[in-house]
Every structure is written in structure tokens, then in C-alpha cells.
Amino acid sequence: MAKLAALLVSFAMLMAAARVERAGAGFYTPASPSTCGLKVGYYHDKCPHAEAIVKGVVGSAVLRDPGVGAGLIRMLFHDCFVEVVV
């Protein structure tokens, strides 16, 4: 009887996992751009030069140390994915 119960529990867990896998096909589906918080021109009305300032500062930092660019990209993906998944 215990073997049958274990088999049924295992089967139920397998079916639940298959249902979850099929629903997302194993991939994260991002929100549409209209619902995302980040967009080009976000600060245009409040601080029109914000994007140019950030671009200049980041560009000069990357020229001094190319590893800064990789670190910023890693930080962006880590923060965004952690925020979305949690």
C-alpha cells in the first residue's frame, strides 16, 4: 500500500511539474513595453539632460576601465530579473 501511495504522489508531482513547464515552456515572458518601468525619454520633462549626462559619465568610466561596462550590464540584468521573478 505504501508503494502505491508513493507512486501516486510521484505521479501527481510529475504531472504538476509538466503542467508548469508547458505553461511557460521554460522561458520567462516579459511584460509588454507599455507596462515596463524603464523607457527612453523617461526624464525628458523633469531633467532633459539626464540621459546625456548618464551616457557621458558611463562612457568615460568605460574608457578608463572596460570592466565597468560588463559590471553595469551584470547589475542591470541581476536587478531586473530578481525584481521580476520575486
C-alpha atoms as a PDB file:
ATOM      1  CA  MET A   1       0.000   0.000   0.000  1.00  0.00           C
ATOM      2  CA  ALA A   2       2.852   2.389   0.826  1.00  0.00           C
ATOM      3  CA  LYS A   3       4.408   1.729  -2.581  1.00  0.00           C
ATOM      4  CA  LEU A   4       1.135   2.594  -4.310  1.00  0.00           C
ATOM      5  CA  ALA A   5       0.790   5.811  -2.299  1.00  0.00           C
ATOM      6  CA  ALA A   6       4.379   6.797  -3.097  1.00  0.00           C
ATOM      7  CA  LEU A   7       3.784   6.026  -6.770  1.00  0.00           C
ATOM      8  CA  LEU A   8       0.612   8.137  -6.835  1.00  0.00           C
ATOM      9  CA  VAL A   9       2.337  11.055  -5.096  1.00  0.00           C
ATOM     10  CA  SER A  10       5.261  10.840  -7.523  1.00  0.00           C
ATOM     11  CA  PHE A  11       2.890  10.740 -10.485  1.00  0.00           C
ATOM     12  CA  ALA A  12       0.936  13.746  -9.184  1.00  0.00           C
ATOM     13  CA  MET A  13       4.151  15.728  -8.714  1.00  0.00           C
ATOM     14  CA  LEU A  14       5.329  14.791 -12.197  1.00  0.00           C
ATOM     15  CA  MET A  15       2.025  15.912 -13.719  1.00  0.00           C
ATOM     16  CA  ALA A  16       2.125  19.193 -11.784  1.00  0.00           C
ATOM     17  CA  ALA A  17       5.678  19.839 -12.984  1.00  0.00           C
ATOM     18  CA  ALA A  18       4.675  19.060 -16.573  1.00  0.00           C
ATOM     19  CA  ARG A  19       1.753  21.482 -16.336  1.00  0.00           C
ATOM     20  CA  VAL A  20       4.004  24.283 -15.035  1.00  0.00           C
ATOM     21  CA  GLU A  21       6.644  23.554 -17.691  1.00  0.00           C
ATOM     22  CA  ARG A  22       4.081  23.622 -20.500  1.00  0.00           C
ATOM     23  CA  ALA A  23       2.516  26.877 -19.296  1.00  0.00           C
ATOM     24  CA  GLY A  24       5.723  28.873 -19.664  1.00  0.00           C
ATOM     25  CA  ALA A  25       7.622  26.493 -21.939  1.00  0.00           C
ATOM     26  CA  GLY A  26      10.531  27.054 -19.557  1.00  0.00           C
ATOM     27  CA  PHE A  27      11.028  30.669 -20.558  1.00  0.00           C
ATOM     28  CA  TYR A  28      10.206  33.931 -18.828  1.00  0.00           C
ATOM     29  CA  THR A  29       7.740  36.022 -20.820  1.00  0.00           C
ATOM     30  CA  PRO A  30       8.445  39.718 -20.170  1.00  0.00           C
ATOM     31  CA  ALA A  31       5.729  42.305 -19.715  1.00  0.00           C
ATOM     32  CA  SER A  32       4.802  44.436 -22.687  1.00  0.00           C
ATOM     33  CA  PRO A  33       6.879  47.624 -23.120  1.00  0.00           C
ATOM     34  CA  SER A  34       3.917  49.797 -22.173  1.00  0.00           C
ATOM     35  CA  THR A  35       3.845  48.276 -18.674  1.00  0.00           C
ATOM     36  CA  CYS A  36       7.609  48.324 -18.035  1.00  0.00           C
ATOM     37  CA  GLY A  37       9.083  50.977 -15.763  1.00  0.00           C
ATOM     38  CA  LEU A  38      12.129  51.774 -17.909  1.00  0.00           C
ATOM     39  CA  LYS A  39      11.910  53.666 -21.168  1.00  0.00           C
ATOM     40  CA  VAL A  40      13.923  56.092 -23.253  1.00  0.00           C
ATOM     41  CA  GLY A  41      12.904  59.679 -22.566  1.00  0.00           C
ATOM     42  CA  TYR A  42      11.522  58.966 -19.089  1.00  0.00           C
ATOM     43  CA  TYR A  43      13.212  62.058 -17.594  1.00  0.00           C
ATOM     44  CA  HIS A  44      12.670  64.288 -20.633  1.00  0.00           C
ATOM     45  CA  ASP A  45      10.253  66.666 -18.869  1.00  0.00           C
ATOM     46  CA  LYS A  46      11.851  66.710 -15.399  1.00  0.00           C
ATOM     47  CA  CYS A  47      15.547  66.677 -16.364  1.00  0.00           C
ATOM     48  CA  PRO A  48      16.037  66.925 -20.138  1.00  0.00           C
ATOM     49  CA  HIS A  49      19.810  66.376 -19.930  1.00  0.00           C
ATOM     50  CA  ALA A  50      19.673  63.309 -17.652  1.00  0.00           C
ATOM     51  CA  GLU A  51      20.233  60.711 -20.372  1.00  0.00           C
ATOM     52  CA  ALA A  52      23.110  62.677 -21.932  1.00  0.00           C
ATOM     53  CA  ILE A  53      24.729  63.112 -18.503  1.00  0.00           C
ATOM     54  CA  VAL A  54      24.461  59.409 -17.677  1.00  0.00           C
ATOM     55  CA  LYS A  55      25.717  58.442 -21.144  1.00  0.00           C
ATOM     56  CA  GLY A  56      28.728  60.744 -20.782  1.00  0.00           C
ATOM     57  CA  VAL A  57      29.638  59.575 -17.286  1.00  0.00           C
ATOM     58  CA  VAL A  58      29.256  55.890 -18.132  1.00  0.00           C
ATOM     59  CA  GLY A  59      31.118  56.326 -21.430  1.00  0.00           C
ATOM     60  CA  SER A  60      34.113  57.971 -19.779  1.00  0.00           C
ATOM     61  CA  ALA A  61      34.141  55.350 -16.995  1.00  0.00           C
ATOM     62  CA  VAL A  62      34.161  52.536 -19.568  1.00  0.00           C
ATOM     63  CA  LEU A  63      37.021  54.206 -21.440  1.00  0.00           C
ATOM     64  CA  ARG A  64      39.066  54.311 -18.213  1.00  0.00           C
ATOM     65  CA  ASP A  65      38.162  50.739 -17.201  1.00  0.00           C
ATOM     66  CA  PRO A  66      36.345  48.464 -19.707  1.00  0.00           C
ATOM     67  CA  GLY A  67      35.283  46.160 -16.871  1.00  0.00           C
ATOM     68  CA  VAL A  68      32.861  48.834 -15.679  1.00  0.00           C
ATOM     69  CA  GLY A  69      30.628  48.198 -18.709  1.00  0.00           C
ATOM     70  CA  ALA A  70      30.417  44.482 -18.011  1.00  0.00           C
ATOM     71  CA  GLY A  71      29.698  45.174 -14.349  1.00  0.00           C
ATOM     72  CA  LEU A  72      26.881  47.581 -15.189  1.00  0.00           C
ATOM     73  CA  ILE A  73      25.287  45.107 -17.601  1.00  0.00           C
ATOM     74  CA  ARG A  74      25.524  42.346 -14.997  1.00  0.00           C
ATOM     75  CA  MET A  75      23.999  44.609 -12.346  1.00  0.00           C
ATOM     76  CA  LEU A  76      21.163  45.630 -14.685  1.00  0.00           C
ATOM     77  CA  PHE A  77      20.223  42.049 -15.533  1.00  0.00           C
ATOM     78  CA  HIS A  78      20.592  40.869 -11.939  1.00  0.00           C
ATOM     79  CA  ASP A  79      18.425  43.645 -10.526  1.00  0.00           C
ATOM     80  CA  CYS A  80      15.781  43.426 -13.237  1.00  0.00           C
ATOM     81  CA  PHE A  81      15.434  39.638 -13.151  1.00  0.00           C
ATOM     82  CA  VAL A  82      15.426  39.495  -9.363  1.00  0.00           C
ATOM     83  CA  GLU A  83      12.709  42.147  -9.251  1.00  0.00           C
ATOM     84  CA  VAL A  84      10.589  40.381 -11.881  1.00  0.00           C
ATOM     85  CA  VAL A  85      10.950  36.836 -10.559  1.00  0.00           C
ATOM     86  CA  VAL A  86      10.399  37.628  -6.881  1.00  0.00           C
END
